[in-house]
Amino acid sequence: MASPTQQVDKIMAIWNEHVEVAKALPRLASAVSSAVDIIGSSLAAGGQLLIAGNGGSAADAQHIAAELTGRFLRERRPLRALALHVNTSALTAIGNDYGYEHVFARELSAHARPGDVLLAISTSGNSPNIRRAIEAARKSNVIVIGLTGESGGQMQTGCDLCLCVPSKSTARIQEMHITIGHTICELLEETLAGA
């Protein structure tokens, strides 16, 4: 078992790594601004934001959708956002009947309309079910924004816009993903509050 001093040192190392990755986020500011514009234009025109992710990224997808359909910081009309994994009956039926790699693609194909936006979240950029969702989005004329890690993985070439957090650490990438998600929510809320 670690001594109290060793444990505090480990905590400080984790937090320092978090701060260093956060300090690198400004290089993504222009791309995040573009994401806000893309999503905002879609929502203003009656479109919707579809969000897909696995594990912690599924939690982020649900979190972002909740901020938009509920509220983030201000009272305003609900904004159309849907986390593609929340219907557990559909998720398990599609996974059982077609394979887990199809769960998001099938849901997206059912709900998406041209002009909608897919926010595809994967720390590696290589999740097979996310890549299939991107392919389905392309067929449905849905704009794709990726939220991934340093390399962007295979998603890098499939997205219209790929926001690659400059880190290889899954935990730090996920921490920055929710920071970016909150930033997008706050700016969308400001932009669309009166719409």
N, C-alpha and C. Protein backbone atom coordinates (compact mmCIF):
# COMPACT_ATOMS: atom_id res chain seq x y z
N MET A 1 0.84 -1.19 0.00
CA MET A 1 0.00 0.00 0.00
C MET A 1 0.89 1.25 0.00
N ALA A 2 0.49 2.24 -0.77
CA ALA A 2 1.27 3.48 -0.87
C ALA A 2 1.17 4.28 0.42
N SER A 3 2.27 4.94 0.74
CA SER A 3 2.24 5.84 1.89
C SER A 3 1.40 7.07 1.53
N PRO A 4 0.94 7.82 2.54
CA PRO A 4 0.16 9.03 2.23
C PRO A 4 0.93 9.99 1.33
N THR A 5 2.23 10.12 1.53
CA THR A 5 3.03 11.02 0.69
C THR A 5 3.09 10.51 -0.75
N GLN A 6 3.30 9.20 -0.92
CA GLN A 6 3.34 8.63 -2.27
C GLN A 6 2.00 8.80 -2.98
N GLN A 7 0.93 8.62 -2.22
CA GLN A 7 -0.40 8.76 -2.82
C GLN A 7 -0.65 10.20 -3.25
N VAL A 8 -0.29 11.16 -2.42
CA VAL A 8 -0.44 12.57 -2.78
C VAL A 8 0.41 12.89 -4.00
N ASP A 9 1.62 12.35 -4.05
CA ASP A 9 2.47 12.57 -5.23
C ASP A 9 1.81 12.03 -6.49
N LYS A 10 1.19 10.86 -6.38
CA LYS A 10 0.51 10.28 -7.55
C LYS A 10 -0.68 11.14 -7.97
N ILE A 11 -1.43 11.62 -6.99
CA ILE A 11 -2.56 12.51 -7.29
C ILE A 11 -2.06 13.75 -8.01
N MET A 12 -0.99 14.35 -7.52
CA MET A 12 -0.45 15.55 -8.15
C MET A 12 0.05 15.26 -9.57
N ALA A 13 0.62 14.08 -9.79
CA ALA A 13 1.08 13.72 -11.13
C ALA A 13 -0.10 13.60 -12.10
N ILE A 14 -1.20 13.00 -11.65
CA ILE A 14 -2.40 12.89 -12.49
C ILE A 14 -2.94 14.27 -12.81
N TRP A 15 -3.06 15.11 -11.80
CA TRP A 15 -3.60 16.45 -12.02
C TRP A 15 -2.68 17.29 -12.89
N ASN A 16 -1.37 17.16 -12.70
CA ASN A 16 -0.43 17.92 -13.54
C ASN A 16 -0.53 17.48 -15.00
N GLU A 17 -0.70 16.18 -15.23
CA GLU A 17 -0.88 15.69 -16.60
C GLU A 17 -2.16 16.27 -17.20
N HIS A 18 -3.23 16.30 -16.42
CA HIS A 18 -4.50 16.89 -16.86
C HIS A 18 -4.31 18.35 -17.28
N VAL A 19 -3.62 19.11 -16.43
CA VAL A 19 -3.39 20.54 -16.71
C VAL A 19 -2.57 20.72 -17.98
N GLU A 20 -1.57 19.88 -18.17
CA GLU A 20 -0.73 19.99 -19.38
C GLU A 20 -1.54 19.74 -20.65
N VAL A 21 -2.41 18.75 -20.62
CA VAL A 21 -3.25 18.49 -21.79
C VAL A 21 -4.23 19.64 -21.98
N ALA A 22 -4.81 20.15 -20.90
CA ALA A 22 -5.73 21.28 -20.99
C ALA A 22 -5.05 22.50 -21.59
N LYS A 23 -3.78 22.70 -21.24
CA LYS A 23 -3.03 23.85 -21.78
C LYS A 23 -2.82 23.73 -23.29
N ALA A 24 -2.90 22.51 -23.82
CA ALA A 24 -2.72 22.30 -25.26
C ALA A 24 -4.03 22.47 -26.03
N LEU A 25 -5.16 22.56 -25.34
CA LEU A 25 -6.46 22.66 -26.02
C LEU A 25 -6.61 23.89 -26.91
N PRO A 26 -5.99 25.04 -26.61
CA PRO A 26 -6.19 26.19 -27.47
C PRO A 26 -5.91 25.95 -28.95
N ARG A 27 -5.07 24.97 -29.26
CA ARG A 27 -4.83 24.70 -30.69
C ARG A 27 -6.07 24.14 -31.37
N LEU A 28 -7.08 23.71 -30.59
CA LEU A 28 -8.32 23.20 -31.16
C LEU A 28 -9.44 24.25 -31.20
N ALA A 29 -9.18 25.45 -30.69
CA ALA A 29 -10.24 26.46 -30.55
C ALA A 29 -10.92 26.77 -31.88
N SER A 30 -10.16 26.92 -32.94
CA SER A 30 -10.76 27.23 -34.24
C SER A 30 -11.63 26.09 -34.74
N ALA A 31 -11.17 24.85 -34.55
CA ALA A 31 -11.96 23.69 -34.97
C ALA A 31 -13.22 23.55 -34.13
N VAL A 32 -13.13 23.82 -32.82
CA VAL A 32 -14.31 23.77 -31.96
C VAL A 32 -15.30 24.85 -32.39
N SER A 33 -14.81 26.02 -32.76
CA SER A 33 -15.68 27.08 -33.27
C SER A 33 -16.41 26.61 -34.53
N SER A 34 -15.69 25.92 -35.40
CA SER A 34 -16.32 25.37 -36.61
C SER A 34 -17.39 24.35 -36.25
N ALA A 35 -17.12 23.52 -35.25
CA ALA A 35 -18.10 22.52 -34.81
C ALA A 35 -19.37 23.21 -34.30
N VAL A 36 -19.20 24.28 -33.52
CA VAL A 36 -20.35 25.03 -33.01
C VAL A 36 -21.17 25.57 -34.19
N ASP A 37 -20.49 26.12 -35.20
CA ASP A 37 -21.19 26.68 -36.36
C ASP A 37 -21.94 25.59 -37.13
N ILE A 38 -21.32 24.45 -37.32
CA ILE A 38 -21.95 23.35 -38.06
C ILE A 38 -23.18 22.85 -37.31
N ILE A 39 -23.03 22.57 -36.03
CA ILE A 39 -24.15 22.06 -35.24
C ILE A 39 -25.24 23.12 -35.11
N GLY A 40 -24.83 24.36 -34.86
CA GLY A 40 -25.80 25.45 -34.71
C GLY A 40 -26.62 25.66 -35.97
N SER A 41 -25.98 25.59 -37.13
CA SER A 41 -26.70 25.75 -38.41
C SER A 41 -27.71 24.63 -38.60
N SER A 42 -27.31 23.42 -38.27
CA SER A 42 -28.22 22.28 -38.39
C SER A 42 -29.42 22.44 -37.46
N LEU A 43 -29.18 22.74 -36.19
CA LEU A 43 -30.27 22.88 -35.23
C LEU A 43 -31.20 24.03 -35.59
N ALA A 44 -30.63 25.14 -36.05
CA ALA A 44 -31.45 26.30 -36.44
C ALA A 44 -32.35 25.98 -37.62
N ALA A 45 -31.92 25.05 -38.46
CA ALA A 45 -32.70 24.67 -39.64
C ALA A 45 -33.64 23.50 -39.36
N GLY A 46 -33.76 23.09 -38.11
CA GLY A 46 -34.65 22.00 -37.75
C GLY A 46 -33.98 20.64 -37.71
N GLY A 47 -32.66 20.60 -37.86
CA GLY A 47 -31.93 19.34 -37.79
C GLY A 47 -31.70 18.91 -36.36
N GLN A 48 -30.96 17.83 -36.22
CA GLN A 48 -30.67 17.32 -34.89
C GLN A 48 -29.22 16.87 -34.79
N LEU A 49 -28.75 16.81 -33.55
CA LEU A 49 -27.42 16.31 -33.26
C LEU A 49 -27.56 14.89 -32.75
N LEU A 50 -26.94 13.94 -33.46
CA LEU A 50 -26.90 12.54 -33.05
C LEU A 50 -25.51 12.29 -32.50
N ILE A 51 -25.42 11.60 -31.36
CA ILE A 51 -24.13 11.44 -30.70
C ILE A 51 -23.90 9.97 -30.39
N ALA A 52 -22.69 9.48 -30.69
CA ALA A 52 -22.38 8.08 -30.47
C ALA A 52 -21.03 7.93 -29.79
N GLY A 53 -20.97 7.01 -28.83
CA GLY A 53 -19.71 6.69 -28.16
C GLY A 53 -19.89 5.43 -27.34
N ASN A 54 -18.79 4.80 -26.97
CA ASN A 54 -18.78 3.58 -26.17
C ASN A 54 -18.23 3.87 -24.77
N GLY A 55 -18.73 3.17 -23.77
CA GLY A 55 -18.18 3.29 -22.42
C GLY A 55 -18.26 4.71 -21.89
N GLY A 56 -17.11 5.25 -21.48
CA GLY A 56 -17.07 6.63 -20.99
C GLY A 56 -17.53 7.61 -22.05
N SER A 57 -17.27 7.31 -23.31
CA SER A 57 -17.73 8.17 -24.41
C SER A 57 -19.24 8.10 -24.58
N ALA A 58 -19.85 6.96 -24.23
CA ALA A 58 -21.31 6.86 -24.23
C ALA A 58 -21.87 7.77 -23.14
N ALA A 59 -21.20 7.78 -21.99
CA ALA A 59 -21.63 8.68 -20.91
C ALA A 59 -21.52 10.13 -21.36
N ASP A 60 -20.45 10.46 -22.07
CA ASP A 60 -20.29 11.82 -22.60
C ASP A 60 -21.38 12.14 -23.62
N ALA A 61 -21.70 11.17 -24.48
CA ALA A 61 -22.76 11.38 -25.49
C ALA A 61 -24.08 11.70 -24.80
N GLN A 62 -24.40 10.91 -23.79
CA GLN A 62 -25.65 11.11 -23.05
C GLN A 62 -25.63 12.44 -22.31
N HIS A 63 -24.48 12.78 -21.74
CA HIS A 63 -24.32 14.03 -21.00
C HIS A 63 -24.56 15.23 -21.92
N ILE A 64 -23.93 15.23 -23.08
CA ILE A 64 -24.07 16.34 -24.03
C ILE A 64 -25.52 16.44 -24.51
N ALA A 65 -26.14 15.30 -24.84
CA ALA A 65 -27.54 15.32 -25.28
C ALA A 65 -28.44 15.89 -24.20
N ALA A 66 -28.18 15.52 -22.95
CA ALA A 66 -28.99 16.02 -21.84
C ALA A 66 -28.84 17.53 -21.67
N GLU A 67 -27.62 18.04 -21.82
CA GLU A 67 -27.40 19.49 -21.70
C GLU A 67 -28.19 20.26 -22.76
N LEU A 68 -28.33 19.67 -23.95
CA LEU A 68 -29.01 20.35 -25.05
C LEU A 68 -30.52 20.21 -24.99
N THR A 69 -31.01 19.03 -24.62
CA THR A 69 -32.46 18.86 -24.56
C THR A 69 -33.04 19.48 -23.29
N GLY A 70 -32.24 19.51 -22.24
CA GLY A 70 -32.65 20.18 -21.01
C GLY A 70 -32.21 21.63 -21.08
N ARG A 71 -31.22 21.94 -20.29
CA ARG A 71 -30.59 23.26 -20.37
C ARG A 71 -29.17 23.13 -19.85
N PHE A 72 -28.35 24.06 -20.25
CA PHE A 72 -26.97 24.09 -19.77
C PHE A 72 -26.86 25.18 -18.72
N LEU A 73 -26.89 26.45 -19.15
CA LEU A 73 -26.76 27.56 -18.21
C LEU A 73 -27.97 28.48 -18.18
N ARG A 74 -28.80 28.42 -19.22
CA ARG A 74 -29.91 29.38 -19.31
C ARG A 74 -31.19 28.71 -19.75
N GLU A 75 -32.29 29.37 -19.43
CA GLU A 75 -33.59 28.90 -19.91
C GLU A 75 -33.70 29.20 -21.40
N ARG A 76 -34.13 28.20 -22.15
CA ARG A 76 -34.34 28.34 -23.59
C ARG A 76 -35.08 27.11 -24.07
N ARG A 77 -35.47 27.14 -25.34
CA ARG A 77 -36.19 25.99 -25.89
C ARG A 77 -35.26 24.78 -25.91
N PRO A 78 -35.81 23.57 -25.85
CA PRO A 78 -34.96 22.38 -25.95
C PRO A 78 -34.36 22.27 -27.35
N LEU A 79 -33.14 21.81 -27.42
CA LEU A 79 -32.45 21.62 -28.69
C LEU A 79 -32.43 20.12 -29.00
N ARG A 80 -32.59 19.79 -30.28
CA ARG A 80 -32.73 18.38 -30.68
C ARG A 80 -31.38 17.67 -30.64
N ALA A 81 -31.25 16.77 -29.68
CA ALA A 81 -30.02 15.98 -29.53
C ALA A 81 -30.39 14.59 -29.02
N LEU A 82 -29.70 13.57 -29.54
CA LEU A 82 -30.01 12.20 -29.19
C LEU A 82 -28.73 11.38 -29.08
N ALA A 83 -28.52 10.76 -27.93
CA ALA A 83 -27.42 9.81 -27.77
C ALA A 83 -27.92 8.47 -28.32
N LEU A 84 -27.21 7.91 -29.28
CA LEU A 84 -27.70 6.76 -30.03
C LEU A 84 -27.73 5.45 -29.26
N HIS A 85 -27.21 5.41 -28.06
CA HIS A 85 -27.18 4.15 -27.30
C HIS A 85 -28.26 4.05 -26.23
N VAL A 86 -29.09 5.05 -26.06
CA VAL A 86 -29.95 5.09 -24.88
C VAL A 86 -31.15 4.15 -24.94
N ASN A 87 -31.52 3.66 -26.10
CA ASN A 87 -32.62 2.69 -26.19
C ASN A 87 -32.02 1.30 -26.03
N THR A 88 -32.03 0.79 -24.81
CA THR A 88 -31.35 -0.48 -24.55
C THR A 88 -31.98 -1.65 -25.29
N SER A 89 -33.27 -1.60 -25.54
CA SER A 89 -33.90 -2.68 -26.31
C SER A 89 -33.37 -2.71 -27.73
N ALA A 90 -33.27 -1.53 -28.36
CA ALA A 90 -32.71 -1.46 -29.70
C ALA A 90 -31.23 -1.86 -29.70
N LEU A 91 -30.48 -1.34 -28.72
CA LEU A 91 -29.05 -1.64 -28.63
C LEU A 91 -28.80 -3.14 -28.54
N THR A 92 -29.55 -3.81 -27.68
CA THR A 92 -29.32 -5.24 -27.49
C THR A 92 -29.87 -6.06 -28.65
N ALA A 93 -30.99 -5.64 -29.22
CA ALA A 93 -31.54 -6.37 -30.36
C ALA A 93 -30.62 -6.25 -31.58
N ILE A 94 -30.16 -5.05 -31.87
CA ILE A 94 -29.26 -4.85 -33.01
C ILE A 94 -27.95 -5.59 -32.77
N GLY A 95 -27.42 -5.48 -31.55
CA GLY A 95 -26.18 -6.19 -31.23
C GLY A 95 -26.34 -7.69 -31.40
N ASN A 96 -27.46 -8.23 -30.96
CA ASN A 96 -27.72 -9.66 -31.05
C ASN A 96 -27.96 -10.10 -32.50
N ASP A 97 -28.77 -9.35 -33.23
CA ASP A 97 -29.18 -9.76 -34.57
C ASP A 97 -28.16 -9.44 -35.66
N TYR A 98 -27.43 -8.33 -35.50
CA TYR A 98 -26.52 -7.88 -36.56
C TYR A 98 -25.06 -7.84 -36.14
N GLY A 99 -24.80 -7.76 -34.84
CA GLY A 99 -23.45 -7.61 -34.32
C GLY A 99 -23.26 -6.22 -33.74
N TYR A 100 -22.45 -6.16 -32.69
CA TYR A 100 -22.28 -4.90 -31.96
C TYR A 100 -21.72 -3.78 -32.84
N GLU A 101 -20.97 -4.15 -33.87
CA GLU A 101 -20.40 -3.13 -34.74
C GLU A 101 -21.47 -2.36 -35.52
N HIS A 102 -22.72 -2.83 -35.51
CA HIS A 102 -23.79 -2.17 -36.26
C HIS A 102 -24.74 -1.34 -35.39
N VAL A 103 -24.55 -1.34 -34.08
CA VAL A 103 -25.56 -0.72 -33.21
C VAL A 103 -25.80 0.75 -33.50
N PHE A 104 -24.75 1.52 -33.72
CA PHE A 104 -24.94 2.95 -33.96
C PHE A 104 -25.37 3.23 -35.40
N ALA A 105 -24.86 2.47 -36.34
CA ALA A 105 -25.22 2.67 -37.75
C ALA A 105 -26.71 2.44 -37.96
N ARG A 106 -27.26 1.39 -37.35
CA ARG A 106 -28.70 1.10 -37.51
C ARG A 106 -29.53 2.20 -36.87
N GLU A 107 -29.16 2.60 -35.67
CA GLU A 107 -29.90 3.68 -35.00
C GLU A 107 -29.82 4.99 -35.81
N LEU A 108 -28.63 5.30 -36.29
CA LEU A 108 -28.46 6.52 -37.08
C LEU A 108 -29.30 6.45 -38.34
N SER A 109 -29.27 5.32 -39.03
CA SER A 109 -30.05 5.19 -40.27
C SER A 109 -31.54 5.34 -40.02
N ALA A 110 -32.00 4.93 -38.85
CA ALA A 110 -33.42 5.07 -38.50
C ALA A 110 -33.80 6.52 -38.21
N HIS A 111 -32.92 7.26 -37.56
CA HIS A 111 -33.29 8.59 -37.06
C HIS A 111 -32.78 9.76 -37.89
N ALA A 112 -31.70 9.58 -38.63
CA ALA A 112 -31.03 10.71 -39.28
C ALA A 112 -31.77 11.17 -40.53
N ARG A 113 -31.66 12.46 -40.77
CA ARG A 113 -32.16 13.09 -41.99
C ARG A 113 -31.04 13.94 -42.57
N PRO A 114 -31.06 14.17 -43.88
CA PRO A 114 -30.01 15.02 -44.47
C PRO A 114 -29.93 16.36 -43.73
N GLY A 115 -28.72 16.79 -43.47
CA GLY A 115 -28.50 18.05 -42.76
C GLY A 115 -28.32 17.89 -41.26
N ASP A 116 -28.61 16.69 -40.73
CA ASP A 116 -28.32 16.43 -39.32
C ASP A 116 -26.81 16.34 -39.13
N VAL A 117 -26.38 16.28 -37.89
CA VAL A 117 -24.96 16.18 -37.56
C VAL A 117 -24.74 14.98 -36.65
N LEU A 118 -23.71 14.20 -36.94
CA LEU A 118 -23.27 13.12 -36.05
C LEU A 118 -22.02 13.60 -35.32
N LEU A 119 -22.06 13.54 -33.99
CA LEU A 119 -20.86 13.75 -33.18
C LEU A 119 -20.39 12.36 -32.77
N ALA A 120 -19.31 11.90 -33.39
CA ALA A 120 -18.78 10.56 -33.18
C ALA A 120 -17.62 10.64 -32.20
N ILE A 121 -17.75 9.96 -31.06
CA ILE A 121 -16.75 10.06 -29.99
C ILE A 121 -16.03 8.73 -29.82
N SER A 122 -14.70 8.76 -29.95
CA SER A 122 -13.87 7.58 -29.73
C SER A 122 -12.47 8.04 -29.37
N THR A 123 -11.97 7.64 -28.20
CA THR A 123 -10.64 8.10 -27.80
C THR A 123 -9.57 7.60 -28.75
N SER A 124 -9.73 6.39 -29.29
CA SER A 124 -8.73 5.84 -30.22
C SER A 124 -8.97 6.27 -31.65
N GLY A 125 -10.23 6.55 -31.97
CA GLY A 125 -10.59 6.84 -33.35
C GLY A 125 -10.74 5.58 -34.20
N ASN A 126 -10.71 4.42 -33.55
CA ASN A 126 -10.74 3.16 -34.29
C ASN A 126 -11.89 2.23 -33.93
N SER A 127 -12.85 2.68 -33.13
CA SER A 127 -13.95 1.81 -32.71
C SER A 127 -14.77 1.38 -33.93
N PRO A 128 -14.90 0.07 -34.17
CA PRO A 128 -15.61 -0.39 -35.37
C PRO A 128 -17.06 0.11 -35.46
N ASN A 129 -17.78 0.16 -34.33
CA ASN A 129 -19.17 0.61 -34.42
C ASN A 129 -19.27 2.11 -34.68
N ILE A 130 -18.29 2.87 -34.25
CA ILE A 130 -18.26 4.30 -34.55
C ILE A 130 -17.92 4.51 -36.02
N ARG A 131 -16.98 3.75 -36.52
CA ARG A 131 -16.62 3.87 -37.94
C ARG A 131 -17.81 3.51 -38.84
N ARG A 132 -18.57 2.49 -38.46
CA ARG A 132 -19.76 2.13 -39.25
C ARG A 132 -20.83 3.23 -39.16
N ALA A 133 -20.95 3.87 -38.01
CA ALA A 133 -21.90 4.98 -37.88
C ALA A 133 -21.50 6.12 -38.81
N ILE A 134 -20.20 6.37 -38.91
CA ILE A 134 -19.71 7.41 -39.82
C ILE A 134 -20.06 7.05 -41.26
N GLU A 135 -19.88 5.80 -41.63
CA GLU A 135 -20.24 5.35 -42.99
C GLU A 135 -21.74 5.53 -43.24
N ALA A 136 -22.56 5.18 -42.25
CA ALA A 136 -24.01 5.34 -42.38
C ALA A 136 -24.37 6.82 -42.49
N ALA A 137 -23.66 7.66 -41.75
CA ALA A 137 -23.91 9.10 -41.82
C ALA A 137 -23.63 9.62 -43.22
N ARG A 138 -22.55 9.17 -43.82
CA ARG A 138 -22.21 9.58 -45.19
C ARG A 138 -23.34 9.23 -46.15
N LYS A 139 -23.89 8.03 -46.02
CA LYS A 139 -24.99 7.59 -46.90
C LYS A 139 -26.26 8.39 -46.67
N SER A 140 -26.42 8.95 -45.48
CA SER A 140 -27.62 9.71 -45.12
C SER A 140 -27.44 11.22 -45.28
N ASN A 141 -26.33 11.65 -45.85
CA ASN A 141 -26.02 13.08 -46.00
C ASN A 141 -26.03 13.81 -44.66
N VAL A 142 -25.42 13.15 -43.67
CA VAL A 142 -25.27 13.70 -42.33
C VAL A 142 -23.83 14.17 -42.18
N ILE A 143 -23.64 15.36 -41.66
CA ILE A 143 -22.30 15.91 -41.44
C ILE A 143 -21.69 15.20 -40.23
N VAL A 144 -20.40 14.88 -40.30
CA VAL A 144 -19.75 14.12 -39.24
C VAL A 144 -18.65 14.96 -38.57
N ILE A 145 -18.79 15.11 -37.26
CA ILE A 145 -17.75 15.72 -36.44
C ILE A 145 -17.20 14.62 -35.54
N GLY A 146 -15.89 14.43 -35.57
CA GLY A 146 -15.24 13.44 -34.73
C GLY A 146 -14.64 14.09 -33.51
N LEU A 147 -14.67 13.37 -32.42
CA LEU A 147 -14.05 13.80 -31.17
C LEU A 147 -13.21 12.63 -30.71
N THR A 148 -11.88 12.78 -30.81
CA THR A 148 -11.00 11.63 -30.61
C THR A 148 -9.71 12.06 -29.91
N GLY A 149 -8.71 11.18 -29.95
CA GLY A 149 -7.42 11.45 -29.33
C GLY A 149 -6.40 11.94 -30.33
N GLU A 150 -5.18 11.97 -29.89
CA GLU A 150 -4.09 12.62 -30.62
C GLU A 150 -3.98 12.25 -32.09
N SER A 151 -4.01 10.97 -32.41
CA SER A 151 -3.80 10.57 -33.81
C SER A 151 -5.05 10.69 -34.65
N GLY A 152 -6.21 10.66 -34.03
CA GLY A 152 -7.46 10.65 -34.77
C GLY A 152 -7.83 9.27 -35.27
N GLY A 153 -6.86 8.36 -35.28
CA GLY A 153 -7.11 7.00 -35.73
C GLY A 153 -7.73 6.96 -37.11
N GLN A 154 -8.50 5.93 -37.36
CA GLN A 154 -9.14 5.77 -38.66
C GLN A 154 -10.26 6.77 -38.89
N MET A 155 -10.76 7.37 -37.81
CA MET A 155 -11.82 8.39 -37.95
C MET A 155 -11.32 9.65 -38.65
N GLN A 156 -10.02 9.89 -38.54
CA GLN A 156 -9.44 11.13 -39.06
C GLN A 156 -9.87 11.40 -40.51
N THR A 157 -9.90 10.35 -41.33
CA THR A 157 -10.23 10.54 -42.74
C THR A 157 -11.72 10.46 -43.03
N GLY A 158 -12.52 9.93 -42.08
CA GLY A 158 -13.95 9.76 -42.33
C GLY A 158 -14.81 10.93 -41.91
N CYS A 159 -14.26 11.85 -41.15
CA CYS A 159 -15.03 12.96 -40.60
C CYS A 159 -14.91 14.22 -41.45
N ASP A 160 -15.96 15.02 -41.44
CA ASP A 160 -15.86 16.34 -42.07
C ASP A 160 -14.96 17.25 -41.24
N LEU A 161 -15.00 17.04 -39.93
CA LEU A 161 -14.18 17.81 -38.98
C LEU A 161 -13.81 16.86 -37.86
N CYS A 162 -12.53 16.74 -37.56
CA CYS A 162 -12.09 15.83 -36.50
C CYS A 162 -11.33 16.62 -35.44
N LEU A 163 -11.85 16.61 -34.22
CA LEU A 163 -11.24 17.30 -33.09
C LEU A 163 -10.39 16.29 -32.35
N CYS A 164 -9.09 16.37 -32.50
CA CYS A 164 -8.15 15.40 -31.93
C CYS A 164 -7.47 15.98 -30.70
N VAL A 165 -7.85 15.50 -29.53
CA VAL A 165 -7.24 15.98 -28.28
C VAL A 165 -5.78 15.54 -28.26
N PRO A 166 -4.85 16.47 -28.00
CA PRO A 166 -3.42 16.14 -28.06
C PRO A 166 -2.92 15.35 -26.86
N SER A 167 -3.31 14.07 -26.80
CA SER A 167 -2.87 13.18 -25.73
C SER A 167 -3.05 11.75 -26.20
N LYS A 168 -2.26 10.85 -25.59
CA LYS A 168 -2.41 9.41 -25.83
C LYS A 168 -3.12 8.72 -24.66
N SER A 169 -3.35 9.43 -23.58
CA SER A 169 -3.96 8.87 -22.38
C SER A 169 -5.49 8.90 -22.50
N THR A 170 -6.11 7.72 -22.42
CA THR A 170 -7.57 7.64 -22.53
C THR A 170 -8.25 8.54 -21.50
N ALA A 171 -7.78 8.49 -20.26
CA ALA A 171 -8.41 9.29 -19.21
C ALA A 171 -8.32 10.78 -19.50
N ARG A 172 -7.13 11.27 -19.90
CA ARG A 172 -6.97 12.69 -20.18
C ARG A 172 -7.79 13.09 -21.42
N ILE A 173 -7.84 12.22 -22.43
CA ILE A 173 -8.64 12.51 -23.63
C ILE A 173 -10.10 12.67 -23.25
N GLN A 174 -10.62 11.75 -22.44
CA GLN A 174 -12.02 11.82 -22.04
C GLN A 174 -12.31 13.08 -21.21
N GLU A 175 -11.36 13.47 -20.36
CA GLU A 175 -11.55 14.70 -19.59
C GLU A 175 -11.65 15.91 -20.50
N MET A 176 -10.86 15.93 -21.55
CA MET A 176 -10.92 17.06 -22.49
C MET A 176 -12.16 16.97 -23.37
N HIS A 177 -12.62 15.77 -23.67
CA HIS A 177 -13.84 15.63 -24.47
C HIS A 177 -15.03 16.30 -23.78
N ILE A 178 -15.17 16.11 -22.48
CA ILE A 178 -16.32 16.74 -21.81
C ILE A 178 -16.09 18.25 -21.69
N THR A 179 -14.85 18.69 -21.59
CA THR A 179 -14.58 20.13 -21.61
C THR A 179 -15.00 20.72 -22.96
N ILE A 180 -14.62 20.05 -24.04
CA ILE A 180 -15.02 20.50 -25.38
C ILE A 180 -16.55 20.43 -25.51
N GLY A 181 -17.15 19.34 -25.02
CA GLY A 181 -18.60 19.20 -25.09
C GLY A 181 -19.32 20.32 -24.36
N HIS A 182 -18.86 20.66 -23.17
CA HIS A 182 -19.47 21.76 -22.43
C HIS A 182 -19.28 23.09 -23.16
N THR A 183 -18.13 23.29 -23.76
CA THR A 183 -17.89 24.51 -24.52
C THR A 183 -18.87 24.62 -25.67
N ILE A 184 -19.05 23.53 -26.40
CA ILE A 184 -20.00 23.52 -27.52
C ILE A 184 -21.41 23.81 -27.01
N CYS A 185 -21.81 23.18 -25.92
CA CYS A 185 -23.14 23.41 -25.36
C CYS A 185 -23.35 24.87 -24.97
N GLU A 186 -22.37 25.44 -24.31
CA GLU A 186 -22.50 26.84 -23.88
C GLU A 186 -22.65 27.78 -25.07
N LEU A 187 -21.84 27.57 -26.09
CA LEU A 187 -21.90 28.45 -27.27
C LEU A 187 -23.16 28.22 -28.09
N LEU A 188 -23.61 26.97 -28.20
CA LEU A 188 -24.87 26.71 -28.90
C LEU A 188 -26.03 27.38 -28.17
N GLU A 189 -26.00 27.30 -26.86
CA GLU A 189 -27.06 27.90 -26.06
C GLU A 189 -27.10 29.42 -26.28
N GLU A 190 -25.94 30.06 -26.30
CA GLU A 190 -25.89 31.50 -26.57
C GLU A 190 -26.40 31.82 -27.96
N THR A 191 -25.96 31.03 -28.93
CA THR A 191 -26.33 31.29 -30.33
C THR A 191 -27.80 31.06 -30.59
N LEU A 192 -28.37 30.00 -29.99
CA LEU A 192 -29.73 29.58 -30.34
C LEU A 192 -30.77 29.95 -29.30
N ALA A 193 -30.38 30.67 -28.26
CA ALA A 193 -31.32 30.98 -27.17
C ALA A 193 -32.56 31.69 -27.67
N GLY A 194 -32.41 32.57 -28.62
CA GLY A 194 -33.56 33.33 -29.12
C GLY A 194 -34.21 32.72 -30.34
N ALA A 195 -33.61 31.63 -30.85
CA ALA A 195 -34.15 31.05 -32.10
C ALA A 195 -35.40 30.24 -31.85
